[in-house]
Amino acid sequence: MAFLYRIQTDGSPAECWTVEDKPMVVGRSEFVDAYVEDDALSGSHFLIVREGGDFLVVDLHSSNGTLVNGSRITAHKLQPNEFIQAGRSLFCFVDPAVLPYASPSAAFLAAAANAAQQRPRAA
């Protein structure tokens, strides 16, 4: 079991979803598993899926793309404490099974939110 946090601009966690064996779709449609109110997100923006002991993030052909740690991806094997940018939203992926004490600190999240605000957004 892993977790996906949506991070507010001040670095504090806004929402948290549990990522389990079932694929999780993130977006702004009423039919997704993790709904986020963000007009820059596609209805079904990205998917997190478990493959064996790994978690993958997959862009679902979104209009604005999906970035992991600032790089645009189509699919990416997630590591603990990696950041996913989609639309105007910033997320942090946490996998305690890989790093048991990997929960991001408030200072870490605030620094990441600040860095994300400085980066240009995907077109």
PDB file of N, CA and C in Angstrom:
ATOM      1  N   MET A   1       0.848  -1.179   0.000  1.00  0.00           N
ATOM      2  CA  MET A   1       0.000   0.000   0.000  1.00  0.00           C
ATOM      3  C   MET A   1       0.888   1.235   0.000  1.00  0.00           C
ATOM      4  N   ALA A   2       0.538   2.190  -0.870  1.00  0.00           N
ATOM      5  CA  ALA A   2       1.261   3.447  -0.970  1.00  0.00           C
ATOM      6  C   ALA A   2       0.245   4.581  -0.834  1.00  0.00           C
ATOM      7  N   PHE A   3       0.738   5.806  -0.887  1.00  0.00           N
ATOM      8  CA  PHE A   3      -0.126   6.968  -0.718  1.00  0.00           C
ATOM      9  C   PHE A   3       0.202   8.022  -1.757  1.00  0.00           C
ATOM     10  N   LEU A   4      -0.822   8.750  -2.180  1.00  0.00           N
ATOM     11  CA  LEU A   4      -0.661   9.895  -3.066  1.00  0.00           C
ATOM     12  C   LEU A   4      -1.221  11.101  -2.339  1.00  0.00           C
ATOM     13  N   TYR A   5      -0.352  12.085  -2.095  1.00  0.00           N
ATOM     14  CA  TYR A   5      -0.753  13.325  -1.441  1.00  0.00           C
ATOM     15  C   TYR A   5      -0.882  14.427  -2.491  1.00  0.00           C
ATOM     16  N   ARG A   6      -1.947  15.221  -2.416  1.00  0.00           N
ATOM     17  CA  ARG A   6      -2.003  16.460  -3.195  1.00  0.00           C
ATOM     18  C   ARG A   6      -1.462  17.540  -2.279  1.00  0.00           C
ATOM     19  N   ILE A   7      -0.547  18.339  -2.804  1.00  0.00           N
ATOM     20  CA  ILE A   7       0.157  19.329  -1.997  1.00  0.00           C
ATOM     21  C   ILE A   7      -0.349  20.725  -2.330  1.00  0.00           C
ATOM     22  N   GLN A   8      -0.676  21.491  -1.296  1.00  0.00           N
ATOM     23  CA  GLN A   8      -1.093  22.883  -1.479  1.00  0.00           C
ATOM     24  C   GLN A   8       0.131  23.742  -1.758  1.00  0.00           C
ATOM     25  N   THR A   9      -0.075  24.971  -2.212  1.00  0.00           N
ATOM     26  CA  THR A   9       1.041  25.847  -2.566  1.00  0.00           C
ATOM     27  C   THR A   9       1.935  26.179  -1.378  1.00  0.00           C
ATOM     28  N   ASP A  10       1.419  26.088  -0.154  1.00  0.00           N
ATOM     29  CA  ASP A  10       2.257  26.346   1.019  1.00  0.00           C
ATOM     30  C   ASP A  10       3.008  25.086   1.472  1.00  0.00           C
ATOM     31  N   GLY A  11       2.814  23.978   0.753  1.00  0.00           N
ATOM     32  CA  GLY A  11       3.518  22.745   1.078  1.00  0.00           C
ATOM     33  C   GLY A  11       2.755  21.808   1.988  1.00  0.00           C
ATOM     34  N   SER A  12       1.610  22.217   2.468  1.00  0.00           N
ATOM     35  CA  SER A  12       0.861  21.324   3.350  1.00  0.00           C
ATOM     36  C   SER A  12       0.022  20.348   2.518  1.00  0.00           C
ATOM     37  N   PRO A  13      -0.139  19.128   3.025  1.00  0.00           N
ATOM     38  CA  PRO A  13      -0.962  18.158   2.290  1.00  0.00           C
ATOM     39  C   PRO A  13      -2.420  18.608   2.265  1.00  0.00           C
ATOM     40  N   ALA A  14      -3.029  18.575   1.086  1.00  0.00           N
ATOM     41  CA  ALA A  14      -4.429  18.957   0.951  1.00  0.00           C
ATOM     42  C   ALA A  14      -5.326  17.735   1.040  1.00  0.00           C
ATOM     43  N   GLU A  15      -4.920  16.679   0.347  1.00  0.00           N
ATOM     44  CA  GLU A  15      -5.702  15.446   0.316  1.00  0.00           C
ATOM     45  C   GLU A  15      -4.732  14.279   0.255  1.00  0.00           C
ATOM     46  N   CYS A  16      -5.234  13.113   0.647  1.00  0.00           N
ATOM     47  CA  CYS A  16      -4.413  11.907   0.588  1.00  0.00           C
ATOM     48  C   CYS A  16      -5.288  10.744   0.148  1.00  0.00           C
ATOM     49  N   TRP A  17      -4.779   9.966  -0.806  1.00  0.00           N
ATOM     50  CA  TRP A  17      -5.475   8.774  -1.278  1.00  0.00           C
ATOM     51  C   TRP A  17      -4.568   7.567  -1.057  1.00  0.00           C
ATOM     52  N   THR A  18      -5.168   6.451  -0.727  1.00  0.00           N
ATOM     53  CA  THR A  18      -4.435   5.195  -0.597  1.00  0.00           C
ATOM     54  C   THR A  18      -4.359   4.544  -1.965  1.00  0.00           C
ATOM     55  N   VAL A  19      -3.139   4.149  -2.350  1.00  0.00           N
ATOM     56  CA  VAL A  19      -2.915   3.474  -3.622  1.00  0.00           C
ATOM     57  C   VAL A  19      -2.687   2.002  -3.305  1.00  0.00           C
ATOM     58  N   GLU A  20      -3.578   1.170  -3.786  1.00  0.00           N
ATOM     59  CA  GLU A  20      -3.476  -0.258  -3.485  1.00  0.00           C
ATOM     60  C   GLU A  20      -3.259  -1.042  -4.773  1.00  0.00           C
ATOM     61  N   ASP A  21      -3.733  -2.275  -4.819  1.00  0.00           N
ATOM     62  CA  ASP A  21      -3.528  -3.112  -5.996  1.00  0.00           C
ATOM     63  C   ASP A  21      -4.405  -2.705  -7.175  1.00  0.00           C
ATOM     64  N   LYS A  22      -5.539  -2.101  -6.905  1.00  0.00           N
ATOM     65  CA  LYS A  22      -6.442  -1.651  -7.967  1.00  0.00           C
ATOM     66  C   LYS A  22      -5.885  -0.372  -8.595  1.00  0.00           C
ATOM     67  N   PRO A  23      -5.869  -0.279  -9.933  1.00  0.00           N
ATOM     68  CA  PRO A  23      -5.412   0.960 -10.574  1.00  0.00           C
ATOM     69  C   PRO A  23      -6.225   2.163 -10.095  1.00  0.00           C
ATOM     70  N   MET A  24      -5.563   3.312  -9.980  1.00  0.00           N
ATOM     71  CA  MET A  24      -6.213   4.526  -9.500  1.00  0.00           C
ATOM     72  C   MET A  24      -6.086   5.614 -10.561  1.00  0.00           C
ATOM     73  N   VAL A  25      -7.212   6.116 -11.034  1.00  0.00           N
ATOM     74  CA  VAL A  25      -7.241   7.193 -12.015  1.00  0.00           C
ATOM     75  C   VAL A  25      -7.425   8.514 -11.276  1.00  0.00           C
ATOM     76  N   VAL A  26      -6.605   9.502 -11.650  1.00  0.00           N
ATOM     77  CA  VAL A  26      -6.658  10.833 -11.049  1.00  0.00           C
ATOM     78  C   VAL A  26      -7.101  11.819 -12.122  1.00  0.00           C
ATOM     79  N   GLY A  27      -8.030  12.695 -11.775  1.00  0.00           N
ATOM     80  CA  GLY A  27      -8.498  13.711 -12.714  1.00  0.00           C
ATOM     81  C   GLY A  27      -9.645  14.501 -12.136  1.00  0.00           C
ATOM     82  N   ARG A  28     -10.367  15.190 -13.020  1.00  0.00           N
ATOM     83  CA  ARG A  28     -11.463  16.036 -12.540  1.00  0.00           C
ATOM     84  C   ARG A  28     -12.841  15.540 -12.973  1.00  0.00           C
ATOM     85  N   SER A  29     -12.898  14.330 -13.501  1.00  0.00           N
ATOM     86  CA  SER A  29     -14.187  13.732 -13.858  1.00  0.00           C
ATOM     87  C   SER A  29     -14.834  13.143 -12.608  1.00  0.00           C
ATOM     88  N   GLU A  30     -16.135  13.079 -12.605  1.00  0.00           N
ATOM     89  CA  GLU A  30     -16.831  12.472 -11.463  1.00  0.00           C
ATOM     90  C   GLU A  30     -16.615  10.965 -11.408  1.00  0.00           C
ATOM     91  N   PHE A  31     -16.042  10.385 -12.454  1.00  0.00           N
ATOM     92  CA  PHE A  31     -15.879   8.932 -12.526  1.00  0.00           C
ATOM     93  C   PHE A  31     -14.483   8.445 -12.144  1.00  0.00           C
ATOM     94  N   VAL A  32     -13.579   9.339 -11.736  1.00  0.00           N
ATOM     95  CA  VAL A  32     -12.215   8.943 -11.377  1.00  0.00           C
ATOM     96  C   VAL A  32     -12.165   8.441  -9.936  1.00  0.00           C
ATOM     97  N   ASP A  33     -11.038   7.810  -9.590  1.00  0.00           N
ATOM     98  CA  ASP A  33     -10.849   7.308  -8.220  1.00  0.00           C
ATOM     99  C   ASP A  33     -10.371   8.405  -7.281  1.00  0.00           C
ATOM    100  N   ALA A  34      -9.618   9.377  -7.817  1.00  0.00           N
ATOM    101  CA  ALA A  34      -9.103  10.499  -7.022  1.00  0.00           C
ATOM    102  C   ALA A  34      -9.492  11.791  -7.737  1.00  0.00           C
ATOM    103  N   TYR A  35     -10.585  12.400  -7.274  1.00  0.00           N
ATOM    104  CA  TYR A  35     -11.100  13.622  -7.886  1.00  0.00           C
ATOM    105  C   TYR A  35     -10.325  14.823  -7.364  1.00  0.00           C
ATOM    106  N   VAL A  36      -9.907  15.692  -8.297  1.00  0.00           N
ATOM    107  CA  VAL A  36      -9.219  16.931  -7.934  1.00  0.00           C
ATOM    108  C   VAL A  36      -9.892  18.068  -8.691  1.00  0.00           C
ATOM    109  N   GLU A  37     -10.291  19.095  -7.974  1.00  0.00           N
ATOM    110  CA  GLU A  37     -10.904  20.266  -8.595  1.00  0.00           C
ATOM    111  C   GLU A  37      -9.786  21.156  -9.130  1.00  0.00           C
ATOM    112  N   ASP A  38      -9.506  21.011 -10.420  1.00  0.00           N
ATOM    113  CA  ASP A  38      -8.434  21.748 -11.090  1.00  0.00           C
ATOM    114  C   ASP A  38      -8.815  21.791 -12.565  1.00  0.00           C
ATOM    115  N   ASP A  39      -9.186  22.980 -13.063  1.00  0.00           N
ATOM    116  CA  ASP A  39      -9.636  23.111 -14.448  1.00  0.00           C
ATOM    117  C   ASP A  39      -8.553  22.760 -15.460  1.00  0.00           C
ATOM    118  N   ALA A  40      -7.290  22.730 -15.053  1.00  0.00           N
ATOM    119  CA  ALA A  40      -6.203  22.385 -15.971  1.00  0.00           C
ATOM    120  C   ALA A  40      -5.983  20.873 -16.062  1.00  0.00           C
ATOM    121  N   LEU A  41      -6.670  20.100 -15.223  1.00  0.00           N
ATOM    122  CA  LEU A  41      -6.589  18.644 -15.295  1.00  0.00           C
ATOM    123  C   LEU A  41      -7.576  18.126 -16.333  1.00  0.00           C
ATOM    124  N   SER A  42      -7.201  17.053 -16.999  1.00  0.00           N
ATOM    125  CA  SER A  42      -8.139  16.361 -17.869  1.00  0.00           C
ATOM    126  C   SER A  42      -9.101  15.565 -16.996  1.00  0.00           C
ATOM    127  N   GLY A  43     -10.205  15.142 -17.567  1.00  0.00           N
ATOM    128  CA  GLY A  43     -11.178  14.345 -16.818  1.00  0.00           C
ATOM    129  C   GLY A  43     -10.532  13.119 -16.204  1.00  0.00           C
ATOM    130  N   SER A  44      -9.778  12.391 -17.010  1.00  0.00           N
ATOM    131  CA  SER A  44      -8.948  11.266 -16.546  1.00  0.00           C
ATOM    132  C   SER A  44      -7.525  11.624 -16.940  1.00  0.00           C
ATOM    133  N   HIS A  45      -6.766  12.185 -16.022  1.00  0.00           N
ATOM    134  CA  HIS A  45      -5.467  12.778 -16.348  1.00  0.00           C
ATOM    135  C   HIS A  45      -4.328  11.760 -16.310  1.00  0.00           C
ATOM    136  N   PHE A  46      -4.186  11.069 -15.172  1.00  0.00           N
ATOM    137  CA  PHE A  46      -3.146  10.044 -15.077  1.00  0.00           C
ATOM    138  C   PHE A  46      -3.630   8.878 -14.237  1.00  0.00           C
ATOM    139  N   LEU A  47      -2.898   7.794 -14.363  1.00  0.00           N
ATOM    140  CA  LEU A  47      -3.231   6.537 -13.709  1.00  0.00           C
ATOM    141  C   LEU A  47      -2.023   6.091 -12.903  1.00  0.00           C
ATOM    142  N   ILE A  48      -2.265   5.581 -11.708  1.00  0.00           N
ATOM    143  CA  ILE A  48      -1.207   4.906 -10.955  1.00  0.00           C
ATOM    144  C   ILE A  48      -1.619   3.448 -10.864  1.00  0.00           C
ATOM    145  N   VAL A  49      -0.726   2.579 -11.293  1.00  0.00           N
ATOM    146  CA  VAL A  49      -1.022   1.154 -11.345  1.00  0.00           C
ATOM    147  C   VAL A  49       0.141   0.390 -10.720  1.00  0.00           C
ATOM    148  N   ARG A  50      -0.200  -0.687 -10.045  1.00  0.00           N
ATOM    149  CA  ARG A  50       0.823  -1.535  -9.427  1.00  0.00           C
ATOM    150  C   ARG A  50       1.179  -2.663 -10.389  1.00  0.00           C
ATOM    151  N   GLU A  51       2.475  -2.871 -10.585  1.00  0.00           N
ATOM    152  CA  GLU A  51       2.975  -3.992 -11.381  1.00  0.00           C
ATOM    153  C   GLU A  51       4.003  -4.709 -10.522  1.00  0.00           C
ATOM    154  N   GLY A  52       3.620  -5.859  -9.990  1.00  0.00           N
ATOM    155  CA  GLY A  52       4.497  -6.571  -9.066  1.00  0.00           C
ATOM    156  C   GLY A  52       4.678  -5.736  -7.815  1.00  0.00           C
ATOM    157  N   GLY A  53       5.923  -5.469  -7.462  1.00  0.00           N
ATOM    158  CA  GLY A  53       6.219  -4.644  -6.292  1.00  0.00           C
ATOM    159  C   GLY A  53       6.394  -3.174  -6.618  1.00  0.00           C
ATOM    160  N   ASP A  54       6.199  -2.796  -7.880  1.00  0.00           N
ATOM    161  CA  ASP A  54       6.426  -1.419  -8.318  1.00  0.00           C
ATOM    162  C   ASP A  54       5.103  -0.713  -8.591  1.00  0.00           C
ATOM    163  N   PHE A  55       5.149   0.612  -8.540  1.00  0.00           N
ATOM    164  CA  PHE A  55       4.030   1.440  -8.939  1.00  0.00           C
ATOM    165  C   PHE A  55       4.461   2.267 -10.140  1.00  0.00           C
ATOM    166  N   LEU A  56       3.581   2.361 -11.121  1.00  0.00           N
ATOM    167  CA  LEU A  56       3.833   3.159 -12.317  1.00  0.00           C
ATOM    168  C   LEU A  56       2.812   4.274 -12.400  1.00  0.00           C
ATOM    169  N   VAL A  57       3.257   5.424 -12.892  1.00  0.00           N
ATOM    170  CA  VAL A  57       2.333   6.500 -13.227  1.00  0.00           C
ATOM    171  C   VAL A  57       2.297   6.559 -14.751  1.00  0.00           C
ATOM    172  N   VAL A  58       1.084   6.646 -15.294  1.00  0.00           N
ATOM    173  CA  VAL A  58       0.887   6.646 -16.734  1.00  0.00           C
ATOM    174  C   VAL A  58       0.010   7.839 -17.098  1.00  0.00           C
ATOM    175  N   ASP A  59       0.499   8.681 -18.013  1.00  0.00           N
ATOM    176  CA  ASP A  59      -0.317   9.781 -18.508  1.00  0.00           C
ATOM    177  C   ASP A  59      -1.407   9.199 -19.400  1.00  0.00           C
ATOM    178  N   LEU A  60      -2.628   9.646 -19.235  1.00  0.00           N
ATOM    179  CA  LEU A  60      -3.758   9.122 -20.000  1.00  0.00           C
ATOM    180  C   LEU A  60      -4.096  10.045 -21.176  1.00  0.00           C
ATOM    181  N   HIS A  61      -3.065  10.408 -21.927  1.00  0.00           N
ATOM    182  CA  HIS A  61      -3.223  11.293 -23.094  1.00  0.00           C
ATOM    183  C   HIS A  61      -3.890  12.597 -22.688  1.00  0.00           C
ATOM    184  N   SER A  62      -3.449  13.125 -21.553  1.00  0.00           N
ATOM    185  CA  SER A  62      -4.029  14.353 -21.023  1.00  0.00           C
ATOM    186  C   SER A  62      -3.674  15.547 -21.906  1.00  0.00           C
ATOM    187  N   SER A  63      -4.486  16.583 -21.833  1.00  0.00           N
ATOM    188  CA  SER A  63      -4.267  17.789 -22.633  1.00  0.00           C
ATOM    189  C   SER A  63      -2.981  18.516 -22.243  1.00  0.00           C
ATOM    190  N   ASN A  64      -2.694  18.601 -20.953  1.00  0.00           N
ATOM    191  CA  ASN A  64      -1.554  19.376 -20.471  1.00  0.00           C
ATOM    192  C   ASN A  64      -0.358  18.530 -20.061  1.00  0.00           C
ATOM    193  N   GLY A  65      -0.437  17.217 -20.206  1.00  0.00           N
ATOM    194  CA  GLY A  65       0.685  16.350 -19.880  1.00  0.00           C
ATOM    195  C   GLY A  65       0.824  16.098 -18.389  1.00  0.00           C
ATOM    196  N   THR A  66       1.689  15.154 -18.076  1.00  0.00           N
ATOM    197  CA  THR A  66       2.009  14.779 -16.705  1.00  0.00           C
ATOM    198  C   THR A  66       3.518  14.845 -16.557  1.00  0.00           C
ATOM    199  N   LEU A  67       3.984  15.448 -15.468  1.00  0.00           N
ATOM    200  CA  LEU A  67       5.414  15.558 -15.212  1.00  0.00           C
ATOM    201  C   LEU A  67       5.748  14.828 -13.921  1.00  0.00           C
ATOM    202  N   VAL A  68       6.898  14.177 -13.889  1.00  0.00           N
ATOM    203  CA  VAL A  68       7.431  13.585 -12.661  1.00  0.00           C
ATOM    204  C   VAL A  68       8.775  14.257 -12.417  1.00  0.00           C
ATOM    205  N   ASN A  69       8.888  14.900 -11.270  1.00  0.00           N
ATOM    206  CA  ASN A  69      10.100  15.639 -10.905  1.00  0.00           C
ATOM    207  C   ASN A  69      10.514  16.613 -12.006  1.00  0.00           C
ATOM    208  N   GLY A  70       9.508  17.226 -12.654  1.00  0.00           N
ATOM    209  CA  GLY A  70       9.768  18.250 -13.659  1.00  0.00           C
ATOM    210  C   GLY A  70       9.941  17.757 -15.079  1.00  0.00           C
ATOM    211  N   SER A  71       9.970  16.447 -15.310  1.00  0.00           N
ATOM    212  CA  SER A  71      10.145  15.903 -16.655  1.00  0.00           C
ATOM    213  C   SER A  71       8.840  15.292 -17.147  1.00  0.00           C
ATOM    214  N   ARG A  72       8.478  15.647 -18.388  1.00  0.00           N
ATOM    215  CA  ARG A  72       7.243  15.102 -18.976  1.00  0.00           C
ATOM    216  C   ARG A  72       7.406  13.598 -19.181  1.00  0.00           C
ATOM    217  N   ILE A  73       6.366  12.855 -18.845  1.00  0.00           N
ATOM    218  CA  ILE A  73       6.393  11.395 -18.972  1.00  0.00           C
ATOM    219  C   ILE A  73       5.174  10.907 -19.751  1.00  0.00           C
ATOM    220  N   THR A  74       5.302   9.711 -20.303  1.00  0.00           N
ATOM    221  CA  THR A  74       4.129   8.985 -20.767  1.00  0.00           C
ATOM    222  C   THR A  74       3.865   7.857 -19.777  1.00  0.00           C
ATOM    223  N   ALA A  75       4.960   7.259 -19.260  1.00  0.00           N
ATOM    224  CA  ALA A  75       4.892   6.247 -18.196  1.00  0.00           C
ATOM    225  C   ALA A  75       6.201   6.333 -17.417  1.00  0.00           C
ATOM    226  N   HIS A  76       6.116   6.061 -16.115  1.00  0.00           N
ATOM    227  CA  HIS A  76       7.296   6.211 -15.261  1.00  0.00           C
ATOM    228  C   HIS A  76       7.152   5.311 -14.035  1.00  0.00           C
ATOM    229  N   LYS A  77       8.207   4.597 -13.684  1.00  0.00           N
ATOM    230  CA  LYS A  77       8.237   3.798 -12.448  1.00  0.00           C
ATOM    231  C   LYS A  77       8.477   4.759 -11.287  1.00  0.00           C
ATOM    232  N   LEU A  78       7.518   4.809 -10.366  1.00  0.00           N
ATOM    233  CA  LEU A  78       7.599   5.750  -9.253  1.00  0.00           C
ATOM    234  C   LEU A  78       8.527   5.265  -8.152  1.00  0.00           C
ATOM    235  N   GLN A  79       9.239   6.206  -7.573  1.00  0.00           N
ATOM    236  CA  GLN A  79      10.075   5.995  -6.397  1.00  0.00           C
ATOM    237  C   GLN A  79       9.449   6.790  -5.251  1.00  0.00           C
ATOM    238  N   PRO A  80       9.729   6.416  -4.004  1.00  0.00           N
ATOM    239  CA  PRO A  80       9.171   7.172  -2.871  1.00  0.00           C
ATOM    240  C   PRO A  80       9.572   8.645  -2.925  1.00  0.00           C
ATOM    241  N   ASN A  81       8.631   9.491  -2.550  1.00  0.00           N
ATOM    242  CA  ASN A  81       8.822  10.938  -2.465  1.00  0.00           C
ATOM    243  C   ASN A  81       9.069  11.597  -3.814  1.00  0.00           C
ATOM    244  N   GLU A  82       8.588  10.980  -4.901  1.00  0.00           N
ATOM    245  CA  GLU A  82       8.654  11.648  -6.197  1.00  0.00           C
ATOM    246  C   GLU A  82       7.427  12.531  -6.342  1.00  0.00           C
ATOM    247  N   PHE A  83       7.605  13.600  -7.116  1.00  0.00           N
ATOM    248  CA  PHE A  83       6.539  14.574  -7.302  1.00  0.00           C
ATOM    249  C   PHE A  83       5.944  14.458  -8.691  1.00  0.00           C
ATOM    250  N   ILE A  84       4.625  14.501  -8.731  1.00  0.00           N
ATOM    251  CA  ILE A  84       3.871  14.434  -9.976  1.00  0.00           C
ATOM    252  C   ILE A  84       3.160  15.772 -10.129  1.00  0.00           C
ATOM    253  N   GLN A  85       3.353  16.418 -11.280  1.00  0.00           N
ATOM    254  CA  GLN A  85       2.639  17.643 -11.591  1.00  0.00           C
ATOM    255  C   GLN A  85       1.647  17.334 -12.697  1.00  0.00           C
ATOM    256  N   ALA A  86       0.422  17.738 -12.492  1.00  0.00           N
ATOM    257  CA  ALA A  86      -0.630  17.549 -13.480  1.00  0.00           C
ATOM    258  C   ALA A  86      -1.556  18.743 -13.382  1.00  0.00           C
ATOM    259  N   GLY A  87      -1.797  19.403 -14.498  1.00  0.00           N
ATOM    260  CA  GLY A  87      -2.575  20.630 -14.449  1.00  0.00           C
ATOM    261  C   GLY A  87      -1.866  21.643 -13.575  1.00  0.00           C
ATOM    262  N   ARG A  88      -2.591  22.231 -12.655  1.00  0.00           N
ATOM    263  CA  ARG A  88      -1.988  23.170 -11.683  1.00  0.00           C
ATOM    264  C   ARG A  88      -1.726  22.485 -10.349  1.00  0.00           C
ATOM    265  N   SER A  89      -1.885  21.171 -10.322  1.00  0.00           N
ATOM    266  CA  SER A  89      -1.790  20.422  -9.072  1.00  0.00           C
ATOM    267  C   SER A  89      -0.448  19.720  -8.930  1.00  0.00           C
ATOM    268  N   LEU A  90       0.008  19.641  -7.694  1.00  0.00           N
ATOM    269  CA  LEU A  90       1.248  18.957  -7.348  1.00  0.00           C
ATOM    270  C   LEU A  90       0.906  17.822  -6.395  1.00  0.00           C
ATOM    271  N   PHE A  91       1.479  16.656  -6.664  1.00  0.00           N
ATOM    272  CA  PHE A  91       1.247  15.463  -5.867  1.00  0.00           C
ATOM    273  C   PHE A  91       2.585  14.903  -5.414  1.00  0.00           C
ATOM    274  N   CYS A  92       2.575  14.201  -4.289  1.00  0.00           N
ATOM    275  CA  CYS A  92       3.759  13.490  -3.809  1.00  0.00           C
ATOM    276  C   CYS A  92       3.374  12.029  -3.613  1.00  0.00           C
ATOM    277  N   PHE A  93       4.175  11.131  -4.194  1.00  0.00           N
ATOM    278  CA  PHE A  93       3.951   9.699  -4.069  1.00  0.00           C
ATOM    279  C   PHE A  93       4.799   9.171  -2.922  1.00  0.00           C
ATOM    280  N   VAL A  94       4.179   8.441  -2.009  1.00  0.00           N
ATOM    281  CA  VAL A  94       4.867   7.891  -0.838  1.00  0.00           C
ATOM    282  C   VAL A  94       4.605   6.390  -0.786  1.00  0.00           C
ATOM    283  N   ASP A  95       5.689   5.606  -0.707  1.00  0.00           N
ATOM    284  CA  ASP A  95       5.563   4.141  -0.633  1.00  0.00           C
ATOM    285  C   ASP A  95       6.307   3.642   0.596  1.00  0.00           C
ATOM    286  N   PRO A  96       5.622   3.482   1.738  1.00  0.00           N
ATOM    287  CA  PRO A  96       6.270   3.030   2.969  1.00  0.00           C
ATOM    288  C   PRO A  96       6.856   1.628   2.859  1.00  0.00           C
ATOM    289  N   ALA A  97       6.383   0.814   1.900  1.00  0.00           N
ATOM    290  CA  ALA A  97       6.936  -0.536   1.738  1.00  0.00           C
ATOM    291  C   ALA A  97       8.378  -0.483   1.257  1.00  0.00           C
ATOM    292  N   VAL A  98       8.724   0.556   0.492  1.00  0.00           N
ATOM    293  CA  VAL A  98      10.087   0.699  -0.026  1.00  0.00           C
ATOM    294  C   VAL A  98      10.963   1.427   0.986  1.00  0.00           C
ATOM    295  N   LEU A  99      10.461   2.533   1.491  1.00  0.00           N
ATOM    296  CA  LEU A  99      11.169   3.309   2.511  1.00  0.00           C
ATOM    297  C   LEU A  99      10.206   3.504   3.674  1.00  0.00           C
ATOM    298  N   PRO A 100      10.314   2.655   4.725  1.00  0.00           N
ATOM    299  CA  PRO A 100       9.339   2.692   5.813  1.00  0.00           C
ATOM    300  C   PRO A 100       9.153   4.053   6.461  1.00  0.00           C
ATOM    301  N   TYR A 101      10.188   4.868   6.455  1.00  0.00           N
ATOM    302  CA  TYR A 101      10.084   6.178   7.097  1.00  0.00           C
ATOM    303  C   TYR A 101      10.160   7.281   6.051  1.00  0.00           C
ATOM    304  N   ALA A 102       9.538   7.023   4.905  1.00  0.00           N
ATOM    305  CA  ALA A 102       9.656   7.933   3.769  1.00  0.00           C
ATOM    306  C   ALA A 102       8.603   9.027   3.735  1.00  0.00           C
ATOM    307  N   SER A 103       7.749   9.100   4.725  1.00  0.00           N
ATOM    308  CA  SER A 103       6.739  10.161   4.698  1.00  0.00           C
ATOM    309  C   SER A 103       7.434  11.510   4.640  1.00  0.00           C
ATOM    310  N   PRO A 104       7.041  12.340   3.682  1.00  0.00           N
ATOM    311  CA  PRO A 104       7.722  13.619   3.518  1.00  0.00           C
ATOM    312  C   PRO A 104       7.446  14.560   4.682  1.00  0.00           C
ATOM    313  N   SER A 105       8.475  15.277   5.099  1.00  0.00           N
ATOM    314  CA  SER A 105       8.318  16.254   6.176  1.00  0.00           C
ATOM    315  C   SER A 105       7.621  17.494   5.636  1.00  0.00           C
ATOM    316  N   ALA A 106       7.094  18.311   6.524  1.00  0.00           N
ATOM    317  CA  ALA A 106       6.426  19.546   6.134  1.00  0.00           C
ATOM    318  C   ALA A 106       7.397  20.470   5.403  1.00  0.00           C
ATOM    319  N   ALA A 107       8.640  20.543   5.856  1.00  0.00           N
ATOM    320  CA  ALA A 107       9.646  21.391   5.209  1.00  0.00           C
ATOM    321  C   ALA A 107       9.933  20.898   3.790  1.00  0.00           C
ATOM    322  N   PHE A 108      10.020  19.580   3.630  1.00  0.00           N
ATOM    323  CA  PHE A 108      10.268  18.985   2.317  1.00  0.00           C
ATOM    324  C   PHE A 108       9.124  19.315   1.363  1.00  0.00           C
ATOM    325  N   LEU A 109       7.885  19.171   1.822  1.00  0.00           N
ATOM    326  CA  LEU A 109       6.722  19.462   0.984  1.00  0.00           C
ATOM    327  C   LEU A 109       6.658  20.943   0.626  1.00  0.00           C
ATOM    328  N   ALA A 110       6.971  21.819   1.581  1.00  0.00           N
ATOM    329  CA  ALA A 110       6.952  23.258   1.316  1.00  0.00           C
ATOM    330  C   ALA A 110       8.010  23.622   0.279  1.00  0.00           C
ATOM    331  N   ALA A 111       9.209  23.040   0.396  1.00  0.00           N
ATOM    332  CA  ALA A 111      10.270  23.310  -0.574  1.00  0.00           C
ATOM    333  C   ALA A 111       9.872  22.805  -1.955  1.00  0.00           C
ATOM    334  N   ALA A 112       9.254  21.651  -2.014  1.00  0.00           N
ATOM    335  CA  ALA A 112       8.816  21.092  -3.295  1.00  0.00           C
ATOM    336  C   ALA A 112       7.729  21.960  -3.919  1.00  0.00           C
ATOM    337  N   ALA A 113       6.789  22.419  -3.113  1.00  0.00           N
ATOM    338  CA  ALA A 113       5.723  23.277  -3.632  1.00  0.00           C
ATOM    339  C   ALA A 113       6.310  24.577  -4.162  1.00  0.00           C
ATOM    340  N   ASN A 114       7.292  25.128  -3.464  1.00  0.00           N
ATOM    341  CA  ASN A 114       7.946  26.355  -3.905  1.00  0.00           C
ATOM    342  C   ASN A 114       8.698  26.126  -5.212  1.00  0.00           C
ATOM    343  N   ALA A 115       9.413  25.016  -5.315  1.00  0.00           N
ATOM    344  CA  ALA A 115      10.151  24.691  -6.536  1.00  0.00           C
ATOM    345  C   ALA A 115       9.192  24.485  -7.701  1.00  0.00           C
ATOM    346  N   ALA A 116       8.074  23.865  -7.452  1.00  0.00           N
ATOM    347  CA  ALA A 116       7.092  23.628  -8.519  1.00  0.00           C
ATOM    348  C   ALA A 116       6.515  24.947  -9.031  1.00  0.00           C
ATOM    349  N   GLN A 117       6.345  25.908  -8.146  1.00  0.00           N
ATOM    350  CA  GLN A 117       5.821  27.206  -8.564  1.00  0.00           C
ATOM    351  C   GLN A 117       6.820  27.950  -9.435  1.00  0.00           C
ATOM    352  N   GLN A 118       8.114  27.682  -9.246  1.00  0.00           N
ATOM    353  CA  GLN A 118       9.163  28.351 -10.017  1.00  0.00           C
ATOM    354  C   GLN A 118       9.329  27.751 -11.410  1.00  0.00           C
ATOM    355  N   ARG A 119       8.955  26.461 -11.575  1.00  0.00           N
ATOM    356  CA  ARG A 119       9.102  25.747 -12.851  1.00  0.00           C
ATOM    357  C   ARG A 119       8.026  26.166 -13.824  1.00  0.00           C
ATOM    358  N   PRO A 120       8.369  26.265 -15.100  1.00  0.00           N
ATOM    359  CA  PRO A 120       7.308  26.505 -16.078  1.00  0.00           C
ATOM    360  C   PRO A 120       6.399  25.295 -16.170  1.00  0.00           C
ATOM    361  N   ARG A 121       5.131  25.522 -16.397  1.00  0.00           N
ATOM    362  CA  ARG A 121       4.149  24.450 -16.521  1.00  0.00           C
ATOM    363  C   ARG A 121       4.215  23.849 -17.917  1.00  0.00           C
ATOM    364  N   ALA A 122       3.783  22.597 -18.010  1.00  0.00           N
ATOM    365  CA  ALA A 122       3.719  21.930 -19.309  1.00  0.00           C
ATOM    366  C   ALA A 122       2.681  22.632 -20.176  1.00  0.00           C
ATOM    367  N   ALA A 123       2.970  22.728 -21.438  1.00  0.00           N
ATOM    368  CA  ALA A 123       2.031  23.396 -22.366  1.00  0.00           C
ATOM    369  C   ALA A 123       0.925  22.460 -22.763  1.00  0.00           C
TER     370      ALA A 123
END
